[in-house]
Amino acid sequence: MRAVVLLLVTLLFTSCFADKAVRIVVINQLDSGRTGPPYDLDITVSGLDDGATLLDAMNKAQDQGLMTYSGIDYGPRLGMYITTIDGVERRMEDKEYWQILGGADMKPLDLGVSSYVPSDNETVLFRSMTFSSDKAGAEVHEDL
Protein backbone atom coordinates (compact mmCIF):
# COMPACT_ATOMS: atom_id res chain seq x y z
CA MET A 1 0.00 0.00 0.00
CA ARG A 2 2.82 2.35 0.88
CA ALA A 3 4.45 1.74 -2.52
CA VAL A 4 1.18 2.54 -4.32
CA VAL A 5 0.78 5.80 -2.40
CA LEU A 6 4.39 6.75 -3.15
CA LEU A 7 3.88 5.98 -6.84
CA LEU A 8 0.71 8.08 -6.97
CA VAL A 9 2.39 11.01 -5.21
CA THR A 10 5.34 10.79 -7.63
CA LEU A 11 3.05 10.74 -10.68
CA LEU A 12 1.00 13.64 -9.35
CA PHE A 13 4.11 15.65 -8.55
CA THR A 14 5.60 14.99 -11.99
CA SER A 15 2.43 15.87 -13.88
CA CYS A 16 1.87 19.04 -11.85
CA PHE A 17 5.32 20.34 -12.64
CA ALA A 18 5.59 19.44 -16.31
CA ASP A 19 6.76 22.77 -17.62
CA LYS A 20 9.09 22.20 -20.56
CA ALA A 21 8.28 24.33 -23.59
CA VAL A 22 9.31 23.74 -27.21
CA ARG A 23 8.94 26.21 -30.06
CA ILE A 24 8.18 24.66 -33.46
CA VAL A 25 8.70 26.76 -36.59
CA VAL A 26 8.18 25.76 -40.23
CA ILE A 27 9.47 27.08 -43.56
CA ASN A 28 7.39 25.72 -46.47
CA GLN A 29 9.48 27.28 -49.28
CA LEU A 30 11.58 24.58 -50.94
CA ASP A 31 15.34 24.97 -50.50
CA SER A 32 15.11 28.41 -48.91
CA GLY A 33 18.53 27.97 -47.28
CA ARG A 34 17.47 30.07 -44.33
CA THR A 35 16.73 29.38 -40.69
CA GLY A 36 15.21 32.75 -39.80
CA PRO A 37 11.79 34.32 -40.31
CA PRO A 38 9.39 34.68 -41.92
CA TYR A 39 7.92 31.36 -40.79
CA ASP A 40 4.83 29.67 -42.19
CA LEU A 41 4.11 28.27 -38.72
CA ASP A 42 5.43 29.52 -35.38
CA ILE A 43 3.99 27.89 -32.25
CA THR A 44 5.12 27.12 -28.72
CA VAL A 45 4.00 23.97 -26.96
CA SER A 46 4.29 24.11 -23.18
CA GLY A 47 3.54 21.84 -20.25
CA LEU A 48 5.72 19.02 -21.57
CA ASP A 49 7.57 16.52 -19.39
CA ASP A 50 11.36 16.88 -19.28
CA GLY A 51 11.83 13.68 -21.29
CA ALA A 52 9.27 14.59 -23.97
CA THR A 53 10.39 13.90 -27.52
CA LEU A 54 9.76 16.19 -30.47
CA LEU A 55 6.97 13.82 -31.50
CA ASP A 56 5.37 14.25 -28.05
CA ALA A 57 5.45 18.03 -28.56
CA MET A 58 3.95 17.67 -32.04
CA ASN A 59 1.19 15.39 -30.73
CA LYS A 60 0.31 17.88 -28.01
CA ALA A 61 0.29 20.74 -30.53
CA GLN A 62 -1.99 18.73 -32.82
CA ASP A 63 -4.30 17.85 -29.88
CA GLN A 64 -4.52 21.57 -29.05
CA GLY A 65 -5.29 22.50 -32.67
CA LEU A 66 -2.04 24.45 -33.09
CA MET A 67 -0.78 22.40 -36.05
CA THR A 68 -1.45 19.27 -38.06
CA TYR A 69 1.01 16.71 -39.30
CA SER A 70 1.11 13.23 -40.73
CA GLY A 71 3.80 10.77 -41.59
CA ILE A 72 4.85 7.19 -41.97
CA ASP A 73 5.55 5.22 -38.80
CA TYR A 74 8.45 2.86 -39.40
CA GLY A 75 8.14 1.28 -35.95
CA PRO A 76 10.20 1.59 -32.80
CA ARG A 77 13.57 1.17 -34.49
CA LEU A 78 13.26 3.93 -37.10
CA GLY A 79 10.33 5.97 -35.79
CA MET A 80 8.07 8.46 -37.51
CA TYR A 81 8.97 10.03 -40.86
CA ILE A 82 7.08 13.32 -41.23
CA THR A 83 5.53 13.83 -44.67
CA THR A 84 2.96 16.59 -44.14
CA ILE A 85 2.83 19.68 -41.93
CA ASP A 86 -0.30 21.86 -41.92
CA GLY A 87 -1.40 20.39 -45.24
CA VAL A 88 1.94 20.89 -47.00
CA GLU A 89 3.18 17.51 -48.20
CA ARG A 90 6.78 16.66 -49.00
CA ARG A 91 7.01 13.42 -50.94
CA MET A 92 10.04 11.18 -51.35
CA GLU A 93 8.81 10.42 -54.88
CA ASP A 94 9.25 14.13 -55.68
CA LYS A 95 12.66 14.16 -53.95
CA GLU A 96 11.31 16.42 -51.19
CA TYR A 97 11.51 16.09 -47.42
CA TRP A 98 11.23 18.01 -44.16
CA GLN A 99 14.70 18.73 -42.79
CA ILE A 100 14.67 19.10 -38.98
CA LEU A 101 17.07 21.59 -37.42
CA GLY A 102 17.57 22.37 -33.75
CA GLY A 103 19.96 22.86 -30.89
CA ALA A 104 21.78 26.02 -29.90
CA ASP A 105 23.42 26.23 -33.36
CA MET A 106 20.25 25.39 -35.35
CA LYS A 107 21.91 22.53 -37.25
CA PRO A 108 20.34 19.44 -38.87
CA LEU A 109 19.43 16.89 -36.22
CA ASP A 110 20.98 13.42 -36.14
CA LEU A 111 17.73 11.98 -34.73
CA GLY A 112 14.15 12.01 -35.95
CA VAL A 113 11.02 13.27 -34.22
CA SER A 114 10.45 9.98 -32.37
CA SER A 115 13.88 10.00 -30.71
CA TYR A 116 14.95 13.65 -30.44
CA VAL A 117 14.41 15.18 -26.97
CA PRO A 118 14.48 18.97 -27.29
CA SER A 119 15.74 21.11 -24.43
CA ASP A 120 13.43 23.40 -22.50
CA ASN A 121 12.67 26.51 -24.60
CA GLU A 122 14.44 25.07 -27.64
CA THR A 123 13.35 26.13 -31.11
CA VAL A 124 13.03 23.32 -33.66
CA LEU A 125 12.75 24.16 -37.36
CA PHE A 126 11.12 22.04 -40.05
CA ARG A 127 12.53 23.25 -43.37
CA SER A 128 11.27 22.06 -46.74
CA MET A 129 14.10 20.62 -48.82
CA THR A 130 14.85 18.64 -51.97
CA PHE A 131 17.47 16.00 -52.57
CA SER A 132 19.08 14.71 -55.72
CA SER A 133 21.21 11.74 -56.50
CA ASP A 134 24.46 11.63 -58.38
CA LYS A 135 26.88 8.85 -59.29
CA ALA A 136 28.17 8.64 -55.72
CA GLY A 137 24.69 8.27 -54.23
CA ALA A 138 22.20 10.52 -52.52
CA GLU A 139 23.33 14.03 -51.77
CA VAL A 140 21.37 16.15 -49.33
CA HIS A 141 21.34 19.89 -49.94
CA GLU A 142 22.01 21.66 -46.64
CA ASP A 143 22.21 25.46 -46.52
CA LEU A 144 22.23 26.76 -50.06
C-alpha atoms as a PDB file:
ATOM      1  CA  MET A   1       0.000   0.000   0.000  1.00  0.00           C
ATOM      2  CA  ARG A   2       2.824   2.348   0.883  1.00  0.00           C
ATOM      3  CA  ALA A   3       4.452   1.742  -2.524  1.00  0.00           C
ATOM      4  CA  VAL A   4       1.185   2.539  -4.318  1.00  0.00           C
ATOM      5  CA  VAL A   5       0.783   5.797  -2.404  1.00  0.00           C
ATOM      6  CA  LEU A   6       4.388   6.749  -3.145  1.00  0.00           C
ATOM      7  CA  LEU A   7       3.880   5.981  -6.841  1.00  0.00           C
ATOM      8  CA  LEU A   8       0.708   8.081  -6.975  1.00  0.00           C
ATOM      9  CA  VAL A   9       2.390  11.008  -5.214  1.00  0.00           C
ATOM     10  CA  THR A  10       5.340  10.792  -7.630  1.00  0.00           C
ATOM     11  CA  LEU A  11       3.054  10.736 -10.677  1.00  0.00           C
ATOM     12  CA  LEU A  12       0.999  13.636  -9.349  1.00  0.00           C
ATOM     13  CA  PHE A  13       4.114  15.651  -8.548  1.00  0.00           C
ATOM     14  CA  THR A  14       5.605  14.990 -11.992  1.00  0.00           C
ATOM     15  CA  SER A  15       2.430  15.872 -13.876  1.00  0.00           C
ATOM     16  CA  CYS A  16       1.865  19.040 -11.850  1.00  0.00           C
ATOM     17  CA  PHE A  17       5.323  20.343 -12.642  1.00  0.00           C
ATOM     18  CA  ALA A  18       5.586  19.438 -16.311  1.00  0.00           C
ATOM     19  CA  ASP A  19       6.760  22.766 -17.623  1.00  0.00           C
ATOM     20  CA  LYS A  20       9.088  22.196 -20.555  1.00  0.00           C
ATOM     21  CA  ALA A  21       8.285  24.332 -23.589  1.00  0.00           C
ATOM     22  CA  VAL A  22       9.308  23.736 -27.212  1.00  0.00           C
ATOM     23  CA  ARG A  23       8.944  26.209 -30.062  1.00  0.00           C
ATOM     24  CA  ILE A  24       8.177  24.657 -33.462  1.00  0.00           C
ATOM     25  CA  VAL A  25       8.700  26.755 -36.587  1.00  0.00           C
ATOM     26  CA  VAL A  26       8.181  25.762 -40.227  1.00  0.00           C
ATOM     27  CA  ILE A  27       9.471  27.082 -43.561  1.00  0.00           C
ATOM     28  CA  ASN A  28       7.393  25.721 -46.468  1.00  0.00           C
ATOM     29  CA  GLN A  29       9.477  27.284 -49.281  1.00  0.00           C
ATOM     30  CA  LEU A  30      11.579  24.580 -50.943  1.00  0.00           C
ATOM     31  CA  ASP A  31      15.344  24.975 -50.499  1.00  0.00           C
ATOM     32  CA  SER A  32      15.111  28.410 -48.913  1.00  0.00           C
ATOM     33  CA  GLY A  33      18.530  27.965 -47.284  1.00  0.00           C
ATOM     34  CA  ARG A  34      17.466  30.074 -44.328  1.00  0.00           C
ATOM     35  CA  THR A  35      16.731  29.381 -40.692  1.00  0.00           C
ATOM     36  CA  GLY A  36      15.207  32.754 -39.796  1.00  0.00           C
ATOM     37  CA  PRO A  37      11.787  34.322 -40.310  1.00  0.00           C
ATOM     38  CA  PRO A  38       9.389  34.676 -41.922  1.00  0.00           C
ATOM     39  CA  TYR A  39       7.922  31.359 -40.793  1.00  0.00           C
ATOM     40  CA  ASP A  40       4.825  29.673 -42.188  1.00  0.00           C
ATOM     41  CA  LEU A  41       4.115  28.267 -38.720  1.00  0.00           C
ATOM     42  CA  ASP A  42       5.426  29.516 -35.382  1.00  0.00           C
ATOM     43  CA  ILE A  43       3.994  27.886 -32.247  1.00  0.00           C
ATOM     44  CA  THR A  44       5.116  27.124 -28.720  1.00  0.00           C
ATOM     45  CA  VAL A  45       4.004  23.966 -26.963  1.00  0.00           C
ATOM     46  CA  SER A  46       4.290  24.112 -23.175  1.00  0.00           C
ATOM     47  CA  GLY A  47       3.538  21.839 -20.246  1.00  0.00           C
ATOM     48  CA  LEU A  48       5.721  19.023 -21.569  1.00  0.00           C
ATOM     49  CA  ASP A  49       7.572  16.523 -19.391  1.00  0.00           C
ATOM     50  CA  ASP A  50      11.358  16.881 -19.278  1.00  0.00           C
ATOM     51  CA  GLY A  51      11.828  13.681 -21.288  1.00  0.00           C
ATOM     52  CA  ALA A  52       9.275  14.593 -23.965  1.00  0.00           C
ATOM     53  CA  THR A  53      10.390  13.903 -27.524  1.00  0.00           C
ATOM     54  CA  LEU A  54       9.763  16.195 -30.468  1.00  0.00           C
ATOM     55  CA  LEU A  55       6.972  13.817 -31.502  1.00  0.00           C
ATOM     56  CA  ASP A  56       5.373  14.250 -28.048  1.00  0.00           C
ATOM     57  CA  ALA A  57       5.452  18.032 -28.562  1.00  0.00           C
ATOM     58  CA  MET A  58       3.946  17.670 -32.039  1.00  0.00           C
ATOM     59  CA  ASN A  59       1.186  15.388 -30.730  1.00  0.00           C
ATOM     60  CA  LYS A  60       0.315  17.884 -28.006  1.00  0.00           C
ATOM     61  CA  ALA A  61       0.287  20.738 -30.535  1.00  0.00           C
ATOM     62  CA  GLN A  62      -1.994  18.735 -32.818  1.00  0.00           C
ATOM     63  CA  ASP A  63      -4.300  17.855 -29.885  1.00  0.00           C
ATOM     64  CA  GLN A  64      -4.515  21.574 -29.050  1.00  0.00           C
ATOM     65  CA  GLY A  65      -5.294  22.503 -32.669  1.00  0.00           C
ATOM     66  CA  LEU A  66      -2.036  24.449 -33.093  1.00  0.00           C
ATOM     67  CA  MET A  67      -0.784  22.396 -36.049  1.00  0.00           C
ATOM     68  CA  THR A  68      -1.453  19.272 -38.062  1.00  0.00           C
ATOM     69  CA  TYR A  69       1.008  16.711 -39.300  1.00  0.00           C
ATOM     70  CA  SER A  70       1.113  13.234 -40.729  1.00  0.00           C
ATOM     71  CA  GLY A  71       3.796  10.771 -41.594  1.00  0.00           C
ATOM     72  CA  ILE A  72       4.848   7.189 -41.969  1.00  0.00           C
ATOM     73  CA  ASP A  73       5.548   5.225 -38.796  1.00  0.00           C
ATOM     74  CA  TYR A  74       8.446   2.856 -39.405  1.00  0.00           C
ATOM     75  CA  GLY A  75       8.137   1.280 -35.952  1.00  0.00           C
ATOM     76  CA  PRO A  76      10.202   1.585 -32.802  1.00  0.00           C
ATOM     77  CA  ARG A  77      13.574   1.168 -34.485  1.00  0.00           C
ATOM     78  CA  LEU A  78      13.258   3.926 -37.099  1.00  0.00           C
ATOM     79  CA  GLY A  79      10.332   5.967 -35.790  1.00  0.00           C
ATOM     80  CA  MET A  80       8.065   8.455 -37.514  1.00  0.00           C
ATOM     81  CA  TYR A  81       8.973  10.027 -40.864  1.00  0.00           C
ATOM     82  CA  ILE A  82       7.079  13.320 -41.232  1.00  0.00           C
ATOM     83  CA  THR A  83       5.530  13.827 -44.669  1.00  0.00           C
ATOM     84  CA  THR A  84       2.960  16.588 -44.144  1.00  0.00           C
ATOM     85  CA  ILE A  85       2.827  19.678 -41.925  1.00  0.00           C
ATOM     86  CA  ASP A  86      -0.300  21.856 -41.918  1.00  0.00           C
ATOM     87  CA  GLY A  87      -1.402  20.394 -45.239  1.00  0.00           C
ATOM     88  CA  VAL A  88       1.943  20.885 -47.000  1.00  0.00           C
ATOM     89  CA  GLU A  89       3.180  17.514 -48.204  1.00  0.00           C
ATOM     90  CA  ARG A  90       6.779  16.661 -48.998  1.00  0.00           C
ATOM     91  CA  ARG A  91       7.011  13.417 -50.939  1.00  0.00           C
ATOM     92  CA  MET A  92      10.039  11.185 -51.350  1.00  0.00           C
ATOM     93  CA  GLU A  93       8.811  10.424 -54.879  1.00  0.00           C
ATOM     94  CA  ASP A  94       9.251  14.128 -55.680  1.00  0.00           C
ATOM     95  CA  LYS A  95      12.661  14.159 -53.953  1.00  0.00           C
ATOM     96  CA  GLU A  96      11.305  16.420 -51.190  1.00  0.00           C
ATOM     97  CA  TYR A  97      11.510  16.093 -47.421  1.00  0.00           C
ATOM     98  CA  TRP A  98      11.230  18.006 -44.157  1.00  0.00           C
ATOM     99  CA  GLN A  99      14.697  18.729 -42.785  1.00  0.00           C
ATOM    100  CA  ILE A 100      14.673  19.104 -38.982  1.00  0.00           C
ATOM    101  CA  LEU A 101      17.071  21.585 -37.420  1.00  0.00           C
ATOM    102  CA  GLY A 102      17.566  22.367 -33.746  1.00  0.00           C
ATOM    103  CA  GLY A 103      19.957  22.858 -30.885  1.00  0.00           C
ATOM    104  CA  ALA A 104      21.777  26.020 -29.905  1.00  0.00           C
ATOM    105  CA  ASP A 105      23.420  26.229 -33.357  1.00  0.00           C
ATOM    106  CA  MET A 106      20.247  25.392 -35.351  1.00  0.00           C
ATOM    107  CA  LYS A 107      21.909  22.534 -37.248  1.00  0.00           C
ATOM    108  CA  PRO A 108      20.342  19.440 -38.870  1.00  0.00           C
ATOM    109  CA  LEU A 109      19.429  16.886 -36.219  1.00  0.00           C
ATOM    110  CA  ASP A 110      20.978  13.424 -36.140  1.00  0.00           C
ATOM    111  CA  LEU A 111      17.731  11.980 -34.735  1.00  0.00           C
ATOM    112  CA  GLY A 112      14.153  12.005 -35.951  1.00  0.00           C
ATOM    113  CA  VAL A 113      11.017  13.270 -34.224  1.00  0.00           C
ATOM    114  CA  SER A 114      10.451   9.984 -32.368  1.00  0.00           C
ATOM    115  CA  SER A 115      13.885  10.005 -30.706  1.00  0.00           C
ATOM    116  CA  TYR A 116      14.953  13.645 -30.438  1.00  0.00           C
ATOM    117  CA  VAL A 117      14.411  15.177 -26.975  1.00  0.00           C
ATOM    118  CA  PRO A 118      14.480  18.968 -27.294  1.00  0.00           C
ATOM    119  CA  SER A 119      15.740  21.108 -24.434  1.00  0.00           C
ATOM    120  CA  ASP A 120      13.430  23.403 -22.501  1.00  0.00           C
ATOM    121  CA  ASN A 121      12.670  26.512 -24.603  1.00  0.00           C
ATOM    122  CA  GLU A 122      14.436  25.067 -27.641  1.00  0.00           C
ATOM    123  CA  THR A 123      13.353  26.130 -31.111  1.00  0.00           C
ATOM    124  CA  VAL A 124      13.030  23.324 -33.663  1.00  0.00           C
ATOM    125  CA  LEU A 125      12.746  24.161 -37.357  1.00  0.00           C
ATOM    126  CA  PHE A 126      11.119  22.041 -40.051  1.00  0.00           C
ATOM    127  CA  ARG A 127      12.525  23.252 -43.366  1.00  0.00           C
ATOM    128  CA  SER A 128      11.271  22.065 -46.736  1.00  0.00           C
ATOM    129  CA  MET A 129      14.102  20.619 -48.825  1.00  0.00           C
ATOM    130  CA  THR A 130      14.851  18.639 -51.974  1.00  0.00           C
ATOM    131  CA  PHE A 131      17.471  16.004 -52.571  1.00  0.00           C
ATOM    132  CA  SER A 132      19.080  14.713 -55.723  1.00  0.00           C
ATOM    133  CA  SER A 133      21.210  11.743 -56.503  1.00  0.00           C
ATOM    134  CA  ASP A 134      24.458  11.634 -58.378  1.00  0.00           C
ATOM    135  CA  LYS A 135      26.876   8.847 -59.288  1.00  0.00           C
ATOM    136  CA  ALA A 136      28.174   8.635 -55.718  1.00  0.00           C
ATOM    137  CA  GLY A 137      24.694   8.268 -54.232  1.00  0.00           C
ATOM    138  CA  ALA A 138      22.197  10.525 -52.523  1.00  0.00           C
ATOM    139  CA  GLU A 139      23.332  14.034 -51.765  1.00  0.00           C
ATOM    140  CA  VAL A 140      21.372  16.152 -49.331  1.00  0.00           C
ATOM    141  CA  HIS A 141      21.335  19.894 -49.942  1.00  0.00           C
ATOM    142  CA  GLU A 142      22.007  21.655 -46.635  1.00  0.00           C
ATOM    143  CA  ASP A 143      22.209  25.457 -46.517  1.00  0.00           C
ATOM    144  CA  LEU A 144      22.233  26.755 -50.059  1.00  0.00           C
END
